[in-house]
Amino acid sequence: MLSEELLSTFQRLMAEAEAAGESDANAMNMATTQADGRVSSRIVLLKGLDTRGFTFYTNFQSDKGRQLLAHSRAALCFHWKQLRDGVQVRVEGNVVAIDSAEADRYFASRPRESQLGAWASLQSQTLPDRATFDQRYADAEQLYAEGSVPRPPHWSGLCVMPDLIEFWFAARFRLHERHRHEWRDNAWHYRLLYP
């Protein structure tokens, strides 16, 4: 569980990054592992943050969804180049599914086109041609022409519950500052790291 101090530090830095002109300040690199140990990474968007951790949404049938359900650990990295001389926040932790009601609320807040896209996309699977996807999207539009679009059962939220957070502040001549917080023995422990 994130301490109030760590939560407020992250929130303050993210707000500063947005004010400094970072586009998509909520974009984070996420690394996951496959069964054979191969590492995959991609950019996803942070959509929730509280004392539990860092929440994002995905299709559980995608590569990352399957990897996270099989190996429930992930590493995140936020990189804000416009903030100060550059700031990174590194996060590592266990990944847990959020509850259905929370996922339903978020899904309902998405643009209708994104909701339909969640039904149309067989994420990470081979697509023979764009026309096939466009037809699946049109089929979803027709199926849900009346009323709201329900959340697909294979689409939900995951929360990275951190056991490591590092705040990395760039400095000239690569004399950076690194502030690491690690959860062990039921408490957060802090240490300063060499650049």
Protein backbone atom coordinates (compact mmCIF):
# COMPACT_ATOMS: atom_id res chain seq x y z
CA MET A 1 0.00 0.00 0.00
CA LEU A 2 1.31 3.43 -0.93
CA SER A 3 1.97 5.78 1.93
CA GLU A 4 0.27 9.18 1.81
CA GLU A 5 3.73 10.75 1.44
CA LEU A 6 4.65 8.67 -1.62
CA LEU A 7 1.21 9.17 -3.13
CA SER A 8 1.35 12.96 -2.70
CA THR A 9 4.94 13.11 -4.02
CA PHE A 10 3.91 11.29 -7.19
CA GLN A 11 0.75 13.37 -7.61
CA ARG A 12 2.72 16.60 -7.17
CA LEU A 13 5.33 15.56 -9.76
CA MET A 14 2.67 14.49 -12.25
CA ALA A 15 0.84 17.80 -11.84
CA GLU A 16 4.15 19.64 -12.35
CA ALA A 17 4.82 17.55 -15.47
CA GLU A 18 1.41 18.47 -16.90
CA ALA A 19 2.01 22.15 -16.09
CA ALA A 20 5.45 21.94 -17.75
CA GLY A 21 3.78 20.88 -21.00
CA GLU A 22 4.29 17.13 -20.94
CA SER A 23 1.83 15.62 -23.38
CA ASP A 24 0.31 12.46 -21.93
CA ALA A 25 1.97 12.86 -18.53
CA ASN A 26 0.03 9.74 -17.51
CA ALA A 27 1.88 7.63 -20.13
CA MET A 28 4.02 4.92 -18.57
CA ASN A 29 6.26 2.25 -19.96
CA MET A 30 5.16 -1.14 -18.65
CA ALA A 31 7.41 -4.19 -18.67
CA THR A 32 6.04 -7.70 -18.25
CA THR A 33 7.53 -11.17 -18.64
CA GLN A 34 6.54 -14.21 -20.66
CA ALA A 35 6.71 -17.79 -19.41
CA ASP A 36 10.17 -18.26 -20.97
CA GLY A 37 11.51 -15.15 -19.23
CA ARG A 38 11.35 -12.95 -22.31
CA VAL A 39 10.56 -9.34 -21.36
CA SER A 40 8.00 -7.22 -23.21
CA SER A 41 7.39 -3.52 -22.79
CA ARG A 42 4.90 -1.02 -24.12
CA ILE A 43 3.37 2.35 -23.25
CA VAL A 44 0.05 2.29 -21.41
CA LEU A 45 -1.92 5.07 -19.74
CA LEU A 46 -2.34 5.47 -16.00
CA LYS A 47 -6.07 5.77 -15.34
CA GLY A 48 -6.24 5.56 -11.56
CA LEU A 49 -4.00 6.24 -8.60
CA ASP A 50 -4.69 5.75 -4.92
CA THR A 51 -3.09 4.09 -1.90
CA ARG A 52 -3.55 0.68 -3.58
CA GLY A 53 -1.32 1.66 -6.46
CA PHE A 54 -1.32 2.45 -10.19
CA THR A 55 -4.36 1.35 -12.23
CA PHE A 56 -4.64 0.87 -16.00
CA TYR A 57 -7.12 -0.96 -18.23
CA THR A 58 -6.58 -3.63 -20.84
CA ASN A 59 -7.95 -6.56 -22.77
CA PHE A 60 -7.08 -9.66 -20.72
CA GLN A 61 -6.76 -11.64 -23.98
CA SER A 62 -3.97 -9.34 -25.24
CA ASP A 63 -0.30 -10.26 -24.89
CA LYS A 64 0.13 -8.05 -21.84
CA GLY A 65 -3.13 -9.24 -20.30
CA ARG A 66 -2.16 -12.89 -20.63
CA GLN A 67 1.38 -12.21 -19.37
CA LEU A 68 0.15 -10.33 -16.31
CA LEU A 69 -2.46 -12.94 -15.45
CA ALA A 70 0.23 -15.65 -15.66
CA HIS A 71 3.08 -13.70 -14.00
CA SER A 72 1.54 -11.08 -11.78
CA ARG A 73 4.48 -8.67 -11.52
CA ALA A 74 5.22 -5.59 -13.59
CA ALA A 75 7.62 -2.68 -13.77
CA LEU A 76 6.50 0.82 -14.73
CA CYS A 77 8.49 3.87 -15.72
CA PHE A 78 7.21 7.43 -16.12
CA HIS A 79 9.62 9.77 -17.92
CA TRP A 80 8.94 13.49 -17.89
CA LYS A 81 11.62 15.22 -19.97
CA GLN A 82 10.03 18.67 -19.72
CA LEU A 83 9.95 18.61 -15.92
CA ARG A 84 12.94 20.29 -14.29
CA ASP A 85 16.01 18.76 -15.94
CA GLY A 86 14.12 15.50 -16.43
CA VAL A 87 12.34 13.24 -13.95
CA GLN A 88 11.66 9.51 -13.97
CA VAL A 89 9.53 7.54 -11.57
CA ARG A 90 10.19 3.81 -11.51
CA VAL A 91 7.64 1.44 -9.97
CA GLU A 92 7.76 -2.32 -9.43
CA GLY A 93 5.14 -4.49 -7.83
CA ASN A 94 2.50 -7.18 -7.86
CA VAL A 95 -0.47 -6.84 -10.18
CA VAL A 96 -4.05 -7.52 -9.11
CA ALA A 97 -7.37 -7.20 -10.93
CA ILE A 98 -9.67 -4.43 -9.78
CA ASP A 99 -13.28 -5.22 -8.94
CA SER A 100 -15.94 -5.37 -11.66
CA ALA A 101 -17.90 -2.37 -10.39
CA GLU A 102 -14.85 -0.12 -10.64
CA ALA A 103 -14.09 -1.42 -14.14
CA ASP A 104 -17.71 -0.88 -15.19
CA ARG A 105 -17.60 2.75 -13.99
CA TYR A 106 -14.43 3.47 -15.92
CA PHE A 107 -15.66 1.71 -19.07
CA ALA A 108 -18.88 3.75 -18.97
CA SER A 109 -16.80 6.95 -18.88
CA ARG A 110 -14.96 6.13 -22.13
CA PRO A 111 -16.04 7.54 -25.50
CA ARG A 112 -18.58 5.30 -27.22
CA GLU A 113 -16.14 4.69 -30.08
CA SER A 114 -13.54 3.35 -27.63
CA GLN A 115 -16.16 1.13 -26.02
CA LEU A 116 -17.07 -0.33 -29.41
CA GLY A 117 -13.39 -0.76 -30.22
CA ALA A 118 -12.99 -2.91 -27.11
CA TRP A 119 -15.55 -5.31 -28.56
CA ALA A 120 -14.19 -5.15 -32.12
CA SER A 121 -10.52 -5.74 -31.36
CA LEU A 122 -9.03 -9.18 -30.89
CA GLN A 123 -6.05 -7.40 -29.36
CA SER A 124 -2.59 -8.82 -30.19
CA GLN A 125 -4.01 -11.46 -32.54
CA THR A 126 -3.11 -11.53 -36.23
CA LEU A 127 -5.34 -9.26 -38.33
CA PRO A 128 -5.59 -10.41 -41.96
CA ASP A 129 -6.44 -6.90 -43.22
CA ARG A 130 -7.84 -3.61 -41.95
CA ALA A 131 -11.20 -4.28 -43.61
CA THR A 132 -11.72 -7.22 -41.23
CA PHE A 133 -11.32 -4.97 -38.20
CA ASP A 134 -13.51 -2.26 -39.75
CA GLN A 135 -16.24 -4.88 -40.29
CA ARG A 136 -15.96 -6.10 -36.68
CA TYR A 137 -16.31 -2.47 -35.53
CA ALA A 138 -19.38 -1.98 -37.77
CA ASP A 139 -20.86 -5.20 -36.37
CA ALA A 140 -20.37 -3.91 -32.80
CA GLU A 141 -21.98 -0.59 -33.78
CA GLN A 142 -25.00 -2.45 -35.11
CA LEU A 143 -25.22 -4.81 -32.13
CA TYR A 144 -25.18 -1.91 -29.66
CA ALA A 145 -27.04 0.65 -31.77
CA GLU A 146 -29.63 1.06 -29.04
CA GLY A 147 -28.58 2.06 -25.53
CA SER A 148 -25.25 1.81 -23.77
CA VAL A 149 -22.31 -0.43 -24.64
CA PRO A 150 -21.56 -2.98 -21.89
CA ARG A 151 -18.02 -3.74 -20.78
CA PRO A 152 -16.65 -6.89 -22.45
CA PRO A 153 -15.97 -9.65 -19.92
CA HIS A 154 -12.36 -9.91 -21.14
CA TRP A 155 -11.68 -6.18 -20.63
CA SER A 156 -10.98 -4.76 -17.18
CA GLY A 157 -8.53 -2.96 -14.95
CA LEU A 158 -5.33 -4.05 -13.27
CA CYS A 159 -3.55 -2.35 -10.41
CA VAL A 160 0.21 -2.43 -9.89
CA MET A 161 0.62 -2.53 -6.11
CA PRO A 162 4.13 -1.18 -5.62
CA ASP A 163 6.81 -2.65 -3.43
CA LEU A 164 9.45 -0.38 -4.98
CA ILE A 165 9.24 3.26 -6.06
CA GLU A 166 12.19 5.31 -7.18
CA PHE A 167 12.14 9.04 -7.87
CA TRP A 168 14.97 9.88 -10.28
CA PHE A 169 15.94 13.52 -10.81
CA ALA A 170 18.29 14.36 -13.68
CA ALA A 171 21.25 16.63 -13.06
CA ARG A 172 24.02 18.05 -15.22
CA PHE A 173 26.99 15.81 -16.01
CA ARG A 174 24.83 12.77 -15.11
CA LEU A 175 25.13 13.55 -11.40
CA HIS A 176 21.53 12.49 -10.87
CA GLU A 177 19.59 12.10 -7.62
CA ARG A 178 17.92 8.77 -6.94
CA HIS A 179 15.48 8.35 -4.05
CA ARG A 180 14.39 4.75 -3.59
CA HIS A 181 11.54 3.53 -1.39
CA GLU A 182 11.11 -0.23 -0.81
CA TRP A 183 8.32 -2.06 0.99
CA ARG A 184 9.60 -4.80 3.27
CA ASP A 185 8.79 -6.03 6.77
CA ASN A 186 5.43 -4.21 6.57
CA ALA A 187 6.98 -0.75 6.19
CA TRP A 188 8.44 1.56 3.57
CA HIS A 189 12.23 1.92 3.77
CA TYR A 190 14.07 4.78 2.11
CA ARG A 191 17.58 4.98 0.77
CA LEU A 192 19.50 7.35 -1.45
CA LEU A 193 21.28 5.68 -4.39
CA TYR A 194 24.41 6.65 -6.28
CA PRO A 195 23.62 8.04 -9.74
